[in-house]
PDB file of N, CA and C in Angstrom:
ATOM      1  N   UNK A   1     -13.468 -20.199 -12.122  1.00  0.00           N
ATOM      2  CA  UNK A   1     -12.110 -19.781 -11.868  1.00  0.00           C
ATOM      3  C   UNK A   1     -12.007 -19.280 -10.431  1.00  0.00           C
ATOM      4  N   UNK A   2     -10.898 -19.601  -9.779  1.00  0.00           N
ATOM      5  CA  UNK A   2     -10.651 -19.130  -8.424  1.00  0.00           C
ATOM      6  C   UNK A   2      -9.887 -17.820  -8.464  1.00  0.00           C
ATOM      7  N   UNK A   3     -10.253 -16.927  -7.547  1.00  0.00           N
ATOM      8  CA  UNK A   3      -9.585 -15.635  -7.441  1.00  0.00           C
ATOM      9  C   UNK A   3      -9.066 -15.445  -6.027  1.00  0.00           C
ATOM     10  N   UNK A   4      -7.949 -14.739  -5.945  1.00  0.00           N
ATOM     11  CA  UNK A   4      -7.401 -14.303  -4.671  1.00  0.00           C
ATOM     12  C   UNK A   4      -7.877 -12.877  -4.502  1.00  0.00           C
ATOM     13  N   UNK A   5      -8.697 -12.627  -3.478  1.00  0.00           N
ATOM     14  CA  UNK A   5      -9.247 -11.281  -3.347  1.00  0.00           C
ATOM     15  C   UNK A   5      -9.483 -10.920  -1.894  1.00  0.00           C
ATOM     16  N   UNK A   6      -9.911  -9.671  -1.671  1.00  0.00           N
ATOM     17  CA  UNK A   6     -10.147  -9.179  -0.318  1.00  0.00           C
ATOM     18  C   UNK A   6     -11.611  -9.369   0.055  1.00  0.00           C
ATOM     19  N   UNK A   7     -11.825  -9.745   1.321  1.00  0.00           N
ATOM     20  CA  UNK A   7     -13.171  -9.901   1.877  1.00  0.00           C
ATOM     21  C   UNK A   7     -13.269  -8.907   3.024  1.00  0.00           C
ATOM     22  N   UNK A   8     -14.237  -7.991   2.970  1.00  0.00           N
ATOM     23  CA  UNK A   8     -14.313  -6.915   3.965  1.00  0.00           C
ATOM     24  C   UNK A   8     -14.863  -7.439   5.286  1.00  0.00           C
ATOM     25  N   UNK A   9     -14.204  -7.034   6.363  1.00  0.00           N
ATOM     26  CA  UNK A   9     -14.680  -7.288   7.714  1.00  0.00           C
ATOM     27  C   UNK A   9     -14.556  -5.984   8.477  1.00  0.00           C
ATOM     28  N   UNK A  10     -14.968  -5.958   9.710  1.00  0.00           N
ATOM     29  CA  UNK A  10     -14.828  -4.754  10.516  1.00  0.00           C
ATOM     30  C   UNK A  10     -16.111  -3.957  10.574  1.00  0.00           C
ATOM     31  N   UNK A  11     -16.130  -2.981  11.433  1.00  0.00           N
ATOM     32  CA  UNK A  11     -17.313  -2.158  11.663  1.00  0.00           C
ATOM     33  C   UNK A  11     -17.469  -1.086  10.587  1.00  0.00           C
ATOM     34  N   UNK A  12     -18.580  -0.404  10.652  1.00  0.00           N
ATOM     35  CA  UNK A  12     -18.849   0.698   9.730  1.00  0.00           C
ATOM     36  C   UNK A  12     -17.758   1.762   9.856  1.00  0.00           C
ATOM     37  N   UNK A  13     -17.208   2.166   8.742  1.00  0.00           N
ATOM     38  CA  UNK A  13     -16.138   3.161   8.641  1.00  0.00           C
ATOM     39  C   UNK A  13     -14.838   2.732   9.317  1.00  0.00           C
ATOM     40  N   UNK A  14     -14.697   1.450   9.642  1.00  0.00           N
ATOM     41  CA  UNK A  14     -13.449   0.910  10.182  1.00  0.00           C
ATOM     42  C   UNK A  14     -13.151  -0.408   9.492  1.00  0.00           C
ATOM     43  N   UNK A  15     -12.836  -0.354   8.190  1.00  0.00           N
ATOM     44  CA  UNK A  15     -12.659  -1.601   7.448  1.00  0.00           C
ATOM     45  C   UNK A  15     -11.357  -2.315   7.773  1.00  0.00           C
ATOM     46  N   UNK A  16     -11.428  -3.611   7.739  1.00  0.00           N
ATOM     47  CA  UNK A  16     -10.248  -4.453   7.686  1.00  0.00           C
ATOM     48  C   UNK A  16     -10.628  -5.569   6.715  1.00  0.00           C
ATOM     49  N   UNK A  17      -9.648  -6.241   6.182  1.00  0.00           N
ATOM     50  CA  UNK A  17      -9.924  -7.194   5.113  1.00  0.00           C
ATOM     51  C   UNK A  17      -9.229  -8.513   5.376  1.00  0.00           C
ATOM     52  N   UNK A  18      -9.821  -9.589   4.876  1.00  0.00           N
ATOM     53  CA  UNK A  18      -9.179 -10.893   4.861  1.00  0.00           C
ATOM     54  C   UNK A  18      -8.819 -11.194   3.421  1.00  0.00           C
ATOM     55  N   UNK A  19      -7.654 -11.762   3.215  1.00  0.00           N
ATOM     56  CA  UNK A  19      -7.258 -12.207   1.876  1.00  0.00           C
ATOM     57  C   UNK A  19      -7.755 -13.643   1.749  1.00  0.00           C
ATOM     58  N   UNK A  20      -8.655 -13.881   0.789  1.00  0.00           N
ATOM     59  CA  UNK A  20      -9.276 -15.191   0.652  1.00  0.00           C
ATOM     60  C   UNK A  20      -9.133 -15.723  -0.763  1.00  0.00           C
ATOM     61  N   UNK A  21      -9.320 -17.033  -0.890  1.00  0.00           N
ATOM     62  CA  UNK A  21      -9.439 -17.690  -2.180  1.00  0.00           C
ATOM     63  C   UNK A  21     -10.922 -17.962  -2.356  1.00  0.00           C
ATOM     64  N   UNK A  22     -11.518 -17.451  -3.441  1.00  0.00           N
ATOM     65  CA  UNK A  22     -12.956 -17.599  -3.648  1.00  0.00           C
ATOM     66  C   UNK A  22     -13.254 -17.827  -5.123  1.00  0.00           C
ATOM     67  N   UNK A  23     -14.395 -18.423  -5.392  1.00  0.00           N
ATOM     68  CA  UNK A  23     -14.882 -18.578  -6.759  1.00  0.00           C
ATOM     69  C   UNK A  23     -15.143 -17.176  -7.320  1.00  0.00           C
ATOM     70  N   UNK A  24     -14.820 -16.952  -8.564  1.00  0.00           N
ATOM     71  CA  UNK A  24     -14.942 -15.624  -9.166  1.00  0.00           C
ATOM     72  C   UNK A  24     -16.383 -15.115  -9.160  1.00  0.00           C
ATOM     73  N   UNK A  25     -17.352 -16.016  -9.249  1.00  0.00           N
ATOM     74  CA  UNK A  25     -18.759 -15.594  -9.304  1.00  0.00           C
ATOM     75  C   UNK A  25     -19.383 -15.386  -7.928  1.00  0.00           C
ATOM     76  N   UNK A  26     -18.690 -15.767  -6.860  1.00  0.00           N
ATOM     77  CA  UNK A  26     -19.217 -15.603  -5.502  1.00  0.00           C
ATOM     78  C   UNK A  26     -19.222 -14.119  -5.124  1.00  0.00           C
ATOM     79  N   UNK A  27     -20.188 -13.688  -4.293  1.00  0.00           N
ATOM     80  CA  UNK A  27     -20.206 -12.287  -3.850  1.00  0.00           C
ATOM     81  C   UNK A  27     -18.968 -11.936  -3.028  1.00  0.00           C
ATOM     82  N   UNK A  28     -18.682 -10.651  -2.920  1.00  0.00           N
ATOM     83  CA  UNK A  28     -17.461 -10.183  -2.242  1.00  0.00           C
ATOM     84  C   UNK A  28     -17.320 -10.757  -0.832  1.00  0.00           C
ATOM     85  N   UNK A  29     -18.386 -10.753  -0.057  1.00  0.00           N
ATOM     86  CA  UNK A  29     -18.331 -11.249   1.316  1.00  0.00           C
ATOM     87  C   UNK A  29     -19.016 -12.605   1.451  1.00  0.00           C
ATOM     88  N   UNK A  30     -19.166 -13.322   0.342  1.00  0.00           N
ATOM     89  CA  UNK A  30     -19.853 -14.606   0.345  1.00  0.00           C
ATOM     90  C   UNK A  30     -18.910 -15.777   0.572  1.00  0.00           C
ATOM     91  N   UNK A  31     -19.247 -16.908  -0.058  1.00  0.00           N
ATOM     92  CA  UNK A  31     -18.486 -18.140   0.126  1.00  0.00           C
ATOM     93  C   UNK A  31     -17.036 -17.991  -0.320  1.00  0.00           C
ATOM     94  N   UNK A  32     -16.161 -18.691   0.382  1.00  0.00           N
ATOM     95  CA  UNK A  32     -14.751 -18.709   0.017  1.00  0.00           C
ATOM     96  C   UNK A  32     -14.197 -20.088   0.314  1.00  0.00           C
ATOM     97  N   UNK A  33     -13.042 -20.381  -0.262  1.00  0.00           N
ATOM     98  CA  UNK A  33     -12.401 -21.678  -0.096  1.00  0.00           C
ATOM     99  C   UNK A  33     -11.466 -21.665   1.111  1.00  0.00           C
ATOM    100  N   UNK A  34     -10.649 -20.612   1.215  1.00  0.00           N
ATOM    101  CA  UNK A  34      -9.641 -20.566   2.288  1.00  0.00           C
ATOM    102  C   UNK A  34      -9.245 -19.128   2.580  1.00  0.00           C
ATOM    103  N   UNK A  35      -8.965 -18.843   3.849  1.00  0.00           N
ATOM    104  CA  UNK A  35      -8.404 -17.551   4.263  1.00  0.00           C
ATOM    105  C   UNK A  35      -6.884 -17.715   4.303  1.00  0.00           C
ATOM    106  N   UNK A  36      -6.166 -16.846   3.592  1.00  0.00           N
ATOM    107  CA  UNK A  36      -4.702 -16.960   3.591  1.00  0.00           C
ATOM    108  C   UNK A  36      -4.000 -15.771   4.242  1.00  0.00           C
ATOM    109  N   UNK A  37      -4.762 -14.783   4.727  1.00  0.00           N
ATOM    110  CA  UNK A  37      -4.121 -13.659   5.389  1.00  0.00           C
ATOM    111  C   UNK A  37      -5.101 -12.564   5.732  1.00  0.00           C
ATOM    112  N   UNK A  38      -4.575 -11.441   6.219  1.00  0.00           N
ATOM    113  CA  UNK A  38      -5.416 -10.284   6.520  1.00  0.00           C
ATOM    114  C   UNK A  38      -4.662  -8.991   6.229  1.00  0.00           C
ATOM    115  N   UNK A  39      -5.446  -7.900   6.100  1.00  0.00           N
ATOM    116  CA  UNK A  39      -4.920  -6.587   5.741  1.00  0.00           C
ATOM    117  C   UNK A  39      -5.719  -5.541   6.499  1.00  0.00           C
ATOM    118  N   UNK A  40      -5.021  -4.668   7.226  1.00  0.00           N
ATOM    119  CA  UNK A  40      -5.677  -3.587   7.951  1.00  0.00           C
ATOM    120  C   UNK A  40      -5.081  -2.264   7.483  1.00  0.00           C
ATOM    121  N   UNK A  41      -5.831  -1.503   6.657  1.00  0.00           N
ATOM    122  CA  UNK A  41      -5.300  -0.249   6.120  1.00  0.00           C
ATOM    123  C   UNK A  41      -5.315   0.907   7.120  1.00  0.00           C
ATOM    124  N   UNK A  42      -5.970   0.742   8.268  1.00  0.00           N
ATOM    125  CA  UNK A  42      -6.115   1.852   9.213  1.00  0.00           C
ATOM    126  C   UNK A  42      -4.934   2.019  10.152  1.00  0.00           C
ATOM    127  N   UNK A  43      -4.103   0.996  10.311  1.00  0.00           N
ATOM    128  CA  UNK A  43      -2.933   1.145  11.169  1.00  0.00           C
ATOM    129  C   UNK A  43      -1.857   1.929  10.419  1.00  0.00           C
ATOM    130  N   UNK A  44      -0.908   2.474  11.164  1.00  0.00           N
ATOM    131  CA  UNK A  44       0.163   3.245  10.536  1.00  0.00           C
ATOM    132  C   UNK A  44       1.492   2.599  10.865  1.00  0.00           C
ATOM    133  N   UNK A  45       2.192   1.949   9.995  1.00  0.00           N
ATOM    134  CA  UNK A  45       1.832   1.644   8.595  1.00  0.00           C
ATOM    135  C   UNK A  45       0.797   0.522   8.526  1.00  0.00           C
ATOM    136  N   UNK A  46       0.205   0.368   7.361  1.00  0.00           N
ATOM    137  CA  UNK A  46      -0.836  -0.640   7.174  1.00  0.00           C
ATOM    138  C   UNK A  46      -0.309  -2.036   7.496  1.00  0.00           C
ATOM    139  N   UNK A  47      -1.134  -2.827   8.182  1.00  0.00           N
ATOM    140  CA  UNK A  47      -0.748  -4.177   8.574  1.00  0.00           C
ATOM    141  C   UNK A  47      -1.118  -5.158   7.470  1.00  0.00           C
ATOM    142  N   UNK A  48      -0.141  -5.928   7.002  1.00  0.00           N
ATOM    143  CA  UNK A  48      -0.374  -6.959   5.997  1.00  0.00           C
ATOM    144  C   UNK A  48       0.265  -8.241   6.497  1.00  0.00           C
ATOM    145  N   UNK A  49      -0.537  -9.297   6.612  1.00  0.00           N
ATOM    146  CA  UNK A  49      -0.012 -10.599   7.020  1.00  0.00           C
ATOM    147  C   UNK A  49      -0.603 -11.641   6.088  1.00  0.00           C
ATOM    148  N   UNK A  50       0.256 -12.309   5.310  1.00  0.00           N
ATOM    149  CA  UNK A  50      -0.180 -13.314   4.345  1.00  0.00           C
ATOM    150  C   UNK A  50       0.671 -14.564   4.526  1.00  0.00           C
ATOM    151  N   UNK A  51       0.018 -15.726   4.528  1.00  0.00           N
ATOM    152  CA  UNK A  51       0.728 -17.005   4.585  1.00  0.00           C
ATOM    153  C   UNK A  51       1.355 -17.233   3.209  1.00  0.00           C
ATOM    154  N   UNK A  52       2.663 -16.978   3.101  1.00  0.00           N
ATOM    155  CA  UNK A  52       3.332 -16.990   1.797  1.00  0.00           C
ATOM    156  C   UNK A  52       3.321 -18.365   1.139  1.00  0.00           C
ATOM    157  N   UNK A  53       3.466 -19.430   1.929  1.00  0.00           N
ATOM    158  CA  UNK A  53       3.465 -20.778   1.343  1.00  0.00           C
ATOM    159  C   UNK A  53       2.111 -21.103   0.721  1.00  0.00           C
ATOM    160  N   UNK A  54       1.029 -20.794   1.426  1.00  0.00           N
ATOM    161  CA  UNK A  54      -0.316 -21.063   0.890  1.00  0.00           C
ATOM    162  C   UNK A  54      -0.585 -20.186  -0.336  1.00  0.00           C
ATOM    163  N   UNK A  55      -0.137 -18.928  -0.297  1.00  0.00           N
ATOM    164  CA  UNK A  55      -0.349 -18.032  -1.436  1.00  0.00           C
ATOM    165  C   UNK A  55       0.378 -18.560  -2.672  1.00  0.00           C
ATOM    166  N   UNK A  56       1.634 -18.968  -2.504  1.00  0.00           N
ATOM    167  CA  UNK A  56       2.384 -19.518  -3.642  1.00  0.00           C
ATOM    168  C   UNK A  56       1.728 -20.782  -4.178  1.00  0.00           C
ATOM    169  N   UNK A  57       1.228 -21.628  -3.293  1.00  0.00           N
ATOM    170  CA  UNK A  57       0.571 -22.861  -3.729  1.00  0.00           C
ATOM    171  C   UNK A  57      -0.683 -22.550  -4.539  1.00  0.00           C
ATOM    172  N   UNK A  58      -1.485 -21.593  -4.085  1.00  0.00           N
ATOM    173  CA  UNK A  58      -2.700 -21.238  -4.832  1.00  0.00           C
ATOM    174  C   UNK A  58      -2.356 -20.590  -6.172  1.00  0.00           C
ATOM    175  N   UNK A  59      -1.276 -19.804  -6.223  1.00  0.00           N
ATOM    176  CA  UNK A  59      -0.850 -19.219  -7.496  1.00  0.00           C
ATOM    177  C   UNK A  59      -0.425 -20.317  -8.473  1.00  0.00           C
ATOM    178  N   UNK A  60       0.283 -21.343  -7.968  1.00  0.00           N
ATOM    179  CA  UNK A  60       0.665 -22.475  -8.820  1.00  0.00           C
ATOM    180  C   UNK A  60      -0.562 -23.229  -9.331  1.00  0.00           C
ATOM    181  N   UNK A  61      -1.602 -23.296  -8.511  1.00  0.00           N
ATOM    182  CA  UNK A  61      -2.826 -24.002  -8.911  1.00  0.00           C
ATOM    183  C   UNK A  61      -3.670 -23.181  -9.885  1.00  0.00           C
ATOM    184  N   UNK A  62      -3.318 -21.904 -10.094  1.00  0.00           N
ATOM    185  CA  UNK A  62      -4.011 -21.094 -11.087  1.00  0.00           C
ATOM    186  C   UNK A  62      -4.949 -20.031 -10.552  1.00  0.00           C
ATOM    187  N   UNK A  63      -4.935 -19.764  -9.259  1.00  0.00           N
ATOM    188  CA  UNK A  63      -5.775 -18.701  -8.702  1.00  0.00           C
ATOM    189  C   UNK A  63      -5.283 -17.348  -9.210  1.00  0.00           C
ATOM    190  N   UNK A  64      -6.196 -16.504  -9.642  1.00  0.00           N
ATOM    191  CA  UNK A  64      -5.852 -15.195 -10.197  1.00  0.00           C
ATOM    192  C   UNK A  64      -6.027 -14.111  -9.138  1.00  0.00           C
ATOM    193  N   UNK A  65      -4.961 -13.410  -8.731  1.00  0.00           N
ATOM    194  CA  UNK A  65      -5.101 -12.342  -7.740  1.00  0.00           C
ATOM    195  C   UNK A  65      -5.680 -11.072  -8.365  1.00  0.00           C
ATOM    196  N   UNK A  66      -6.443 -10.319  -7.565  1.00  0.00           N
ATOM    197  CA  UNK A  66      -6.940  -9.021  -8.014  1.00  0.00           C
ATOM    198  C   UNK A  66      -5.790  -8.018  -7.971  1.00  0.00           C
ATOM    199  N   UNK A  67      -6.001  -6.831  -8.520  1.00  0.00           N
ATOM    200  CA  UNK A  67      -4.937  -5.820  -8.558  1.00  0.00           C
ATOM    201  C   UNK A  67      -4.453  -5.456  -7.160  1.00  0.00           C
ATOM    202  N   UNK A  68      -5.378  -5.280  -6.229  1.00  0.00           N
ATOM    203  CA  UNK A  68      -5.002  -4.915  -4.860  1.00  0.00           C
ATOM    204  C   UNK A  68      -4.219  -6.044  -4.185  1.00  0.00           C
ATOM    205  N   UNK A  69      -4.634  -7.267  -4.401  1.00  0.00           N
ATOM    206  CA  UNK A  69      -3.939  -8.401  -3.799  1.00  0.00           C
ATOM    207  C   UNK A  69      -2.539  -8.554  -4.398  1.00  0.00           C
ATOM    208  N   UNK A  70      -2.377  -8.259  -5.683  1.00  0.00           N
ATOM    209  CA  UNK A  70      -1.033  -8.301  -6.298  1.00  0.00           C
ATOM    210  C   UNK A  70      -0.113  -7.322  -5.576  1.00  0.00           C
ATOM    211  N   UNK A  71      -0.612  -6.120  -5.269  1.00  0.00           N
ATOM    212  CA  UNK A  71       0.200  -5.128  -4.555  1.00  0.00           C
ATOM    213  C   UNK A  71       0.583  -5.622  -3.159  1.00  0.00           C
ATOM    214  N   UNK A  72      -0.387  -6.262  -2.476  1.00  0.00           N
ATOM    215  CA  UNK A  72      -0.100  -6.800  -1.147  1.00  0.00           C
ATOM    216  C   UNK A  72       0.910  -7.938  -1.206  1.00  0.00           C
ATOM    217  N   UNK A  73       0.797  -8.795  -2.228  1.00  0.00           N
ATOM    218  CA  UNK A  73       1.734  -9.907  -2.383  1.00  0.00           C
ATOM    219  C   UNK A  73       3.136  -9.393  -2.673  1.00  0.00           C
ATOM    220  N   UNK A  74       3.241  -8.326  -3.459  1.00  0.00           N
ATOM    221  CA  UNK A  74       4.555  -7.731  -3.727  1.00  0.00           C
ATOM    222  C   UNK A  74       5.136  -7.111  -2.455  1.00  0.00           C
ATOM    223  N   UNK A  75       4.278  -6.481  -1.677  1.00  0.00           N
ATOM    224  CA  UNK A  75       4.715  -5.830  -0.435  1.00  0.00           C
ATOM    225  C   UNK A  75       5.253  -6.846   0.569  1.00  0.00           C
ATOM    226  N   UNK A  76       4.653  -8.033   0.606  1.00  0.00           N
ATOM    227  CA  UNK A  76       5.091  -9.067   1.545  1.00  0.00           C
ATOM    228  C   UNK A  76       6.177  -9.954   0.970  1.00  0.00           C
ATOM    229  N   UNK A  77       6.506  -9.786  -0.318  1.00  0.00           N
ATOM    230  CA  UNK A  77       7.589 -10.550  -0.922  1.00  0.00           C
ATOM    231  C   UNK A  77       7.190 -11.899  -1.471  1.00  0.00           C
ATOM    232  N   UNK A  78       5.899 -12.165  -1.593  1.00  0.00           N
ATOM    233  CA  UNK A  78       5.445 -13.443  -2.140  1.00  0.00           C
ATOM    234  C   UNK A  78       5.729 -13.518  -3.636  1.00  0.00           C
ATOM    235  N   UNK A  79       5.477 -12.415  -4.334  1.00  0.00           N
ATOM    236  CA  UNK A  79       5.838 -12.338  -5.757  1.00  0.00           C
ATOM    237  C   UNK A  79       6.791 -11.168  -5.938  1.00  0.00           C
ATOM    238  N   UNK A  80       7.601 -11.233  -6.968  1.00  0.00           N
ATOM    239  CA  UNK A  80       8.581 -10.184  -7.218  1.00  0.00           C
ATOM    240  C   UNK A  80       8.019  -9.152  -8.189  1.00  0.00           C
ATOM    241  N   UNK A  81       8.505  -7.947  -8.094  1.00  0.00           N
ATOM    242  CA  UNK A  81       8.011  -6.835  -8.919  1.00  0.00           C
ATOM    243  C   UNK A  81       8.139  -7.081 -10.390  1.00  0.00           C
TER     244      UNK A  81
END
């Protein structure tokens, strides 16, 4: 099963994340299929940039978003509350 989840990047104690499509069994920072956006929680307000067309296409194909990614998708307007 494919999942939409966050992949950690950035230096120690300065995390930033990429929103990726990955196999559910792959490690958090391991193999992925596609990068569809990024998230930086350290900026004020937090920076969220997601390619909405690609996200909707992956959702139609059956990719399951994690809880955090669902919140980000709602924040960017990809899915409705």
